Each structure stands twice: as C-alpha cells, then as structure tokens.
Amino acid sequence: MSLIQIYADEEAMDSDLVAALRSRGVATITPLDAGLVERSDDEQLEFATDHGCVLYTFNVSDFYRLHTEWVLGGREHAGMILAPQQRFSTGEQLRRILRLRAATTSLCMRNRVEFLGNWG
C-alpha cells in the first residue's frame, strides 16, 4: 500500500503544519522546497503530479476548476485535498489529513478530490 505524500501549496504551507506532518513521517513538500513560489496553480499541480504528491490547498474554487479542466482534458493528477482557509486549526488539519491518509492510498487518490471537512 502506497502512502499519500503531500504537496502543500503556498496558501497551505503553514510551517507548523508542515513540521507536524513531517514529524509523523508524512513526506511533505512545499513550493519553497521546490523553488515554485509565486508560480501558477497549473504549475503547482503539475509539480505535485510529477512527484506523486497529493496537492493540499485552501484555494478551493481555483483548484476544483483546475481538477475539472484536467479531467475533461484527459490529464491525470495525483489527487487533491481542498480545505476552506481558516476553518480548521493546525491541529485539526493535521488530524484530518492523517485520518484521510490512513484510509486511502496514493493510487486511490489519482484524479480524486477530497474535502478536508469530510474527514472529521
């Protein structure tokens, strides 16, 4: 079973969350790590996909639109976790991401969108 790796985009790359995920063994990459700060959403999703990472973002509407465009265009991505900004504390985000990660595999996440709010 292949565990989900996370690519936290610029909106979601809170240093406390990233540190907490990494301390629990979750491979987590940020745009800072990848040299992709201020790049387009499409470039962020492309990087995440190329590296087999599920993209985690607070930019719900833009990335849901991008998901739809990619799927309709026949492109595959490694999955997305969408969360409304400032709805969940860092600890709550961590708990929900870990819950989702325990329940699914990277293969199951392909071309799939999960909403963090469903993992309480």
N, C-alpha and C. Protein backbone atom coordinates (compact mmCIF):
# COMPACT_ATOMS: atom_id res chain seq x y z
N MET A 1 0.85 -1.19 0.00
CA MET A 1 0.00 0.00 0.00
C MET A 1 0.89 1.24 0.00
N SER A 2 0.66 2.06 -0.97
CA SER A 2 1.47 3.27 -1.13
C SER A 2 0.83 4.44 -0.39
N LEU A 3 1.56 4.99 0.56
CA LEU A 3 1.03 6.08 1.37
C LEU A 3 1.05 7.40 0.62
N ILE A 4 0.08 8.22 0.92
CA ILE A 4 -0.04 9.54 0.33
C ILE A 4 1.11 10.43 0.78
N GLN A 5 1.70 11.13 -0.19
CA GLN A 5 2.66 12.19 0.08
C GLN A 5 1.95 13.50 -0.19
N ILE A 6 2.34 14.55 0.50
CA ILE A 6 1.63 15.83 0.42
C ILE A 6 2.49 16.90 -0.25
N TYR A 7 1.86 17.66 -1.13
CA TYR A 7 2.45 18.89 -1.64
C TYR A 7 1.54 20.01 -1.16
N ALA A 8 2.00 20.77 -0.19
CA ALA A 8 1.20 21.87 0.37
C ALA A 8 1.51 23.13 -0.42
N ASP A 9 0.51 23.66 -1.13
CA ASP A 9 0.77 24.84 -1.95
C ASP A 9 1.03 26.07 -1.09
N GLU A 10 1.28 27.20 -1.74
CA GLU A 10 1.66 28.42 -1.00
C GLU A 10 0.63 28.82 0.04
N GLU A 11 -0.64 28.65 -0.27
CA GLU A 11 -1.70 29.05 0.66
C GLU A 11 -1.71 28.17 1.90
N ALA A 12 -1.32 26.90 1.72
CA ALA A 12 -1.45 25.92 2.81
C ALA A 12 -0.13 25.53 3.47
N MET A 13 0.98 26.16 3.06
CA MET A 13 2.27 25.68 3.57
C MET A 13 2.63 26.28 4.93
N ASP A 14 1.71 26.26 5.83
CA ASP A 14 1.95 26.71 7.21
C ASP A 14 3.10 25.90 7.81
N SER A 15 4.09 26.59 8.32
CA SER A 15 5.29 25.90 8.80
C SER A 15 4.99 24.94 9.95
N ASP A 16 4.03 25.28 10.81
CA ASP A 16 3.68 24.39 11.92
C ASP A 16 3.04 23.10 11.40
N LEU A 17 2.15 23.23 10.42
CA LEU A 17 1.50 22.05 9.84
C LEU A 17 2.53 21.19 9.11
N VAL A 18 3.36 21.81 8.31
CA VAL A 18 4.38 21.07 7.56
C VAL A 18 5.30 20.33 8.53
N ALA A 19 5.75 21.00 9.57
CA ALA A 19 6.62 20.36 10.57
C ALA A 19 5.91 19.20 11.27
N ALA A 20 4.63 19.40 11.60
CA ALA A 20 3.86 18.35 12.28
C ALA A 20 3.68 17.13 11.38
N LEU A 21 3.40 17.36 10.10
CA LEU A 21 3.25 16.24 9.15
C LEU A 21 4.57 15.50 9.02
N ARG A 22 5.64 16.24 8.83
CA ARG A 22 6.96 15.61 8.67
C ARG A 22 7.37 14.83 9.91
N SER A 23 7.05 15.37 11.09
CA SER A 23 7.42 14.68 12.33
C SER A 23 6.66 13.36 12.51
N ARG A 24 5.56 13.22 11.78
CA ARG A 24 4.78 11.98 11.82
C ARG A 24 5.05 11.10 10.61
N GLY A 25 6.14 11.40 9.91
CA GLY A 25 6.57 10.55 8.81
C GLY A 25 5.86 10.77 7.49
N VAL A 26 5.14 11.88 7.37
CA VAL A 26 4.44 12.17 6.12
C VAL A 26 5.38 12.98 5.23
N ALA A 27 5.74 12.41 4.08
CA ALA A 27 6.57 13.14 3.12
C ALA A 27 5.79 14.37 2.68
N THR A 28 6.33 15.54 2.93
CA THR A 28 5.63 16.80 2.65
C THR A 28 6.59 17.76 1.95
N ILE A 29 6.15 18.26 0.81
CA ILE A 29 6.93 19.20 0.01
C ILE A 29 6.14 20.50 -0.08
N THR A 30 6.85 21.62 -0.08
CA THR A 30 6.22 22.94 -0.24
C THR A 30 6.80 23.64 -1.48
N PRO A 31 6.13 24.67 -1.97
CA PRO A 31 6.69 25.45 -3.09
C PRO A 31 8.07 26.03 -2.74
N LEU A 32 8.29 26.32 -1.47
CA LEU A 32 9.58 26.82 -1.03
C LEU A 32 10.66 25.76 -1.28
N ASP A 33 10.35 24.51 -0.93
CA ASP A 33 11.29 23.40 -1.15
C ASP A 33 11.56 23.20 -2.63
N ALA A 34 10.51 23.36 -3.43
CA ALA A 34 10.57 23.05 -4.86
C ALA A 34 11.00 24.22 -5.74
N GLY A 35 11.15 25.40 -5.14
CA GLY A 35 11.50 26.57 -5.92
C GLY A 35 10.36 27.05 -6.80
N LEU A 36 9.12 26.86 -6.32
CA LEU A 36 7.94 27.22 -7.12
C LEU A 36 7.09 28.32 -6.51
N VAL A 37 7.69 29.13 -5.65
CA VAL A 37 6.95 30.23 -5.04
C VAL A 37 6.48 31.18 -6.14
N GLU A 38 5.22 31.60 -6.04
CA GLU A 38 4.58 32.53 -6.98
C GLU A 38 4.41 31.98 -8.39
N ARG A 39 4.42 30.67 -8.53
CA ARG A 39 4.15 30.05 -9.84
C ARG A 39 2.65 29.81 -9.96
N SER A 40 2.19 29.52 -11.16
CA SER A 40 0.75 29.35 -11.41
C SER A 40 0.21 28.08 -10.73
N ASP A 41 -1.11 28.07 -10.53
CA ASP A 41 -1.76 26.89 -9.95
C ASP A 41 -1.50 25.66 -10.81
N ASP A 42 -1.54 25.85 -12.12
CA ASP A 42 -1.30 24.74 -13.04
C ASP A 42 0.10 24.16 -12.84
N GLU A 43 1.10 25.04 -12.67
CA GLU A 43 2.47 24.58 -12.43
C GLU A 43 2.58 23.85 -11.09
N GLN A 44 1.86 24.33 -10.09
CA GLN A 44 1.88 23.67 -8.77
C GLN A 44 1.31 22.26 -8.89
N LEU A 45 0.18 22.13 -9.59
CA LEU A 45 -0.46 20.82 -9.75
C LEU A 45 0.43 19.89 -10.59
N GLU A 46 1.05 20.45 -11.60
CA GLU A 46 1.95 19.66 -12.44
C GLU A 46 3.12 19.11 -11.63
N PHE A 47 3.73 19.97 -10.80
CA PHE A 47 4.84 19.52 -9.95
C PHE A 47 4.38 18.42 -9.00
N ALA A 48 3.26 18.65 -8.32
CA ALA A 48 2.74 17.65 -7.38
C ALA A 48 2.52 16.32 -8.09
N THR A 49 1.91 16.37 -9.26
CA THR A 49 1.63 15.15 -10.03
C THR A 49 2.92 14.45 -10.44
N ASP A 50 3.88 15.23 -10.96
CA ASP A 50 5.16 14.64 -11.39
C ASP A 50 5.88 13.96 -10.24
N HIS A 51 5.66 14.44 -9.01
CA HIS A 51 6.33 13.86 -7.84
C HIS A 51 5.42 12.92 -7.05
N GLY A 52 4.25 12.59 -7.59
CA GLY A 52 3.35 11.64 -6.95
C GLY A 52 2.74 12.14 -5.66
N CYS A 53 2.62 13.46 -5.53
CA CYS A 53 2.09 14.06 -4.30
C CYS A 53 0.64 14.51 -4.47
N VAL A 54 -0.13 14.33 -3.42
CA VAL A 54 -1.47 14.88 -3.36
C VAL A 54 -1.34 16.35 -2.99
N LEU A 55 -1.97 17.22 -3.77
CA LEU A 55 -1.87 18.66 -3.53
C LEU A 55 -2.85 19.06 -2.42
N TYR A 56 -2.35 19.79 -1.44
CA TYR A 56 -3.17 20.29 -0.34
C TYR A 56 -3.25 21.80 -0.45
N THR A 57 -4.46 22.34 -0.49
CA THR A 57 -4.62 23.78 -0.69
C THR A 57 -5.88 24.32 -0.01
N PHE A 58 -5.83 25.63 0.27
CA PHE A 58 -7.02 26.36 0.73
C PHE A 58 -7.73 27.03 -0.45
N ASN A 59 -7.11 27.00 -1.61
CA ASN A 59 -7.64 27.65 -2.80
C ASN A 59 -8.66 26.73 -3.47
N VAL A 60 -9.79 26.54 -2.81
CA VAL A 60 -10.78 25.54 -3.20
C VAL A 60 -11.32 25.76 -4.60
N SER A 61 -11.82 26.96 -4.88
CA SER A 61 -12.50 27.16 -6.17
C SER A 61 -11.55 27.04 -7.36
N ASP A 62 -10.36 27.64 -7.27
CA ASP A 62 -9.43 27.57 -8.41
C ASP A 62 -8.95 26.15 -8.67
N PHE A 63 -8.64 25.42 -7.61
CA PHE A 63 -8.14 24.07 -7.82
C PHE A 63 -9.24 23.08 -8.19
N TYR A 64 -10.46 23.31 -7.73
CA TYR A 64 -11.56 22.43 -8.17
C TYR A 64 -11.80 22.65 -9.67
N ARG A 65 -11.73 23.91 -10.09
CA ARG A 65 -11.87 24.22 -11.52
C ARG A 65 -10.73 23.56 -12.31
N LEU A 66 -9.51 23.65 -11.79
CA LEU A 66 -8.36 23.04 -12.44
C LEU A 66 -8.51 21.52 -12.52
N HIS A 67 -9.01 20.91 -11.46
CA HIS A 67 -9.28 19.46 -11.46
C HIS A 67 -10.22 19.12 -12.61
N THR A 68 -11.30 19.87 -12.73
CA THR A 68 -12.29 19.62 -13.79
C THR A 68 -11.66 19.78 -15.17
N GLU A 69 -10.88 20.83 -15.36
CA GLU A 69 -10.21 21.06 -16.65
C GLU A 69 -9.26 19.91 -16.98
N TRP A 70 -8.49 19.49 -16.01
CA TRP A 70 -7.54 18.40 -16.26
C TRP A 70 -8.27 17.11 -16.62
N VAL A 71 -9.29 16.76 -15.85
CA VAL A 71 -10.00 15.51 -16.10
C VAL A 71 -10.69 15.54 -17.47
N LEU A 72 -11.37 16.65 -17.77
CA LEU A 72 -12.04 16.78 -19.07
C LEU A 72 -11.04 16.79 -20.22
N GLY A 73 -9.84 17.28 -19.96
CA GLY A 73 -8.79 17.32 -20.98
C GLY A 73 -7.99 16.03 -21.08
N GLY A 74 -8.36 15.03 -20.29
CA GLY A 74 -7.68 13.74 -20.33
C GLY A 74 -6.37 13.70 -19.57
N ARG A 75 -6.12 14.70 -18.73
CA ARG A 75 -4.89 14.73 -17.93
C ARG A 75 -5.17 14.13 -16.56
N GLU A 76 -4.19 13.44 -16.02
CA GLU A 76 -4.33 12.86 -14.69
C GLU A 76 -3.50 13.65 -13.69
N HIS A 77 -4.01 13.73 -12.47
CA HIS A 77 -3.23 14.31 -11.38
C HIS A 77 -3.21 13.31 -10.23
N ALA A 78 -2.36 13.57 -9.25
CA ALA A 78 -2.17 12.62 -8.14
C ALA A 78 -3.18 12.80 -7.01
N GLY A 79 -4.13 13.72 -7.19
CA GLY A 79 -5.17 13.94 -6.19
C GLY A 79 -5.04 15.29 -5.52
N MET A 80 -6.14 15.70 -4.89
CA MET A 80 -6.19 16.99 -4.21
C MET A 80 -6.95 16.85 -2.90
N ILE A 81 -6.49 17.59 -1.91
CA ILE A 81 -7.24 17.78 -0.66
C ILE A 81 -7.52 19.27 -0.58
N LEU A 82 -8.80 19.61 -0.57
CA LEU A 82 -9.21 21.01 -0.54
C LEU A 82 -9.79 21.35 0.82
N ALA A 83 -9.37 22.48 1.36
CA ALA A 83 -9.84 22.90 2.69
C ALA A 83 -10.15 24.39 2.67
N PRO A 84 -11.26 24.79 3.30
CA PRO A 84 -11.54 26.23 3.39
C PRO A 84 -10.54 26.89 4.33
N GLN A 85 -10.02 28.03 3.91
CA GLN A 85 -8.99 28.72 4.69
C GLN A 85 -9.53 29.15 6.05
N GLN A 86 -8.75 28.98 7.08
CA GLN A 86 -9.03 29.42 8.45
C GLN A 86 -10.26 28.76 9.06
N ARG A 87 -10.67 27.63 8.54
CA ARG A 87 -11.78 26.93 9.15
C ARG A 87 -11.28 25.96 10.22
N PHE A 88 -10.09 25.42 10.00
CA PHE A 88 -9.55 24.41 10.92
C PHE A 88 -8.22 24.89 11.51
N SER A 89 -8.04 24.59 12.79
CA SER A 89 -6.75 24.87 13.43
C SER A 89 -5.68 23.97 12.81
N THR A 90 -4.43 24.27 13.08
CA THR A 90 -3.33 23.44 12.59
C THR A 90 -3.50 22.00 13.08
N GLY A 91 -3.82 21.84 14.36
CA GLY A 91 -4.01 20.50 14.92
C GLY A 91 -5.15 19.75 14.25
N GLU A 92 -6.22 20.45 13.96
CA GLU A 92 -7.37 19.82 13.31
C GLU A 92 -7.04 19.44 11.86
N GLN A 93 -6.31 20.31 11.17
CA GLN A 93 -5.87 19.97 9.81
C GLN A 93 -5.02 18.70 9.85
N LEU A 94 -4.09 18.66 10.79
CA LEU A 94 -3.20 17.51 10.93
C LEU A 94 -4.01 16.23 11.17
N ARG A 95 -4.92 16.27 12.12
CA ARG A 95 -5.74 15.09 12.44
C ARG A 95 -6.51 14.61 11.21
N ARG A 96 -7.12 15.54 10.50
CA ARG A 96 -7.93 15.16 9.34
C ARG A 96 -7.08 14.62 8.19
N ILE A 97 -5.92 15.25 7.95
CA ILE A 97 -5.04 14.74 6.88
C ILE A 97 -4.55 13.34 7.24
N LEU A 98 -4.17 13.12 8.49
CA LEU A 98 -3.71 11.80 8.91
C LEU A 98 -4.82 10.75 8.82
N ARG A 99 -6.04 11.16 9.14
CA ARG A 99 -7.19 10.26 9.03
C ARG A 99 -7.42 9.86 7.57
N LEU A 100 -7.38 10.85 6.68
CA LEU A 100 -7.55 10.58 5.25
C LEU A 100 -6.43 9.67 4.75
N ARG A 101 -5.21 9.99 5.16
CA ARG A 101 -4.04 9.22 4.72
C ARG A 101 -4.11 7.77 5.19
N ALA A 102 -4.66 7.54 6.37
CA ALA A 102 -4.79 6.17 6.89
C ALA A 102 -5.88 5.38 6.15
N ALA A 103 -6.82 6.10 5.55
CA ALA A 103 -7.98 5.45 4.94
C ALA A 103 -7.85 5.21 3.44
N THR A 104 -6.86 5.79 2.80
CA THR A 104 -6.76 5.65 1.35
C THR A 104 -5.30 5.54 0.92
N THR A 105 -5.09 5.21 -0.33
CA THR A 105 -3.74 5.07 -0.87
C THR A 105 -3.49 6.12 -1.94
N SER A 106 -2.24 6.27 -2.32
CA SER A 106 -1.93 7.22 -3.37
C SER A 106 -2.60 6.80 -4.68
N LEU A 107 -2.70 5.51 -4.94
CA LEU A 107 -3.38 5.02 -6.14
C LEU A 107 -4.86 5.41 -6.14
N CYS A 108 -5.51 5.27 -5.01
CA CYS A 108 -6.93 5.62 -4.88
C CYS A 108 -7.16 7.13 -5.03
N MET A 109 -6.15 7.93 -4.74
CA MET A 109 -6.30 9.38 -4.82
C MET A 109 -6.15 9.94 -6.24
N ARG A 110 -5.67 9.12 -7.17
CA ARG A 110 -5.47 9.62 -8.53
C ARG A 110 -6.75 10.23 -9.09
N ASN A 111 -6.65 11.46 -9.56
CA ASN A 111 -7.77 12.20 -10.16
C ASN A 111 -8.94 12.41 -9.20
N ARG A 112 -8.68 12.31 -7.92
CA ARG A 112 -9.74 12.43 -6.93
C ARG A 112 -9.58 13.71 -6.14
N VAL A 113 -10.70 14.30 -5.77
CA VAL A 113 -10.70 15.48 -4.91
C VAL A 113 -11.36 15.09 -3.59
N GLU A 114 -10.68 15.37 -2.50
CA GLU A 114 -11.25 15.15 -1.18
C GLU A 114 -11.36 16.50 -0.48
N PHE A 115 -12.42 16.69 0.25
CA PHE A 115 -12.62 17.92 1.02
C PHE A 115 -12.27 17.60 2.48
N LEU A 116 -11.37 18.38 3.05
CA LEU A 116 -10.89 18.13 4.41
C LEU A 116 -12.04 18.09 5.40
N GLY A 117 -13.07 18.90 5.14
CA GLY A 117 -14.23 18.94 6.02
C GLY A 117 -14.97 17.62 6.16
N ASN A 118 -14.76 16.70 5.22
CA ASN A 118 -15.41 15.38 5.28
C ASN A 118 -14.65 14.38 6.13
N TRP A 119 -13.50 14.78 6.66
CA TRP A 119 -12.65 13.83 7.38
C TRP A 119 -12.59 14.11 8.89
N GLY A 120 -13.67 14.64 9.43
CA GLY A 120 -13.74 14.91 10.86
C GLY A 120 -14.11 13.72 11.62
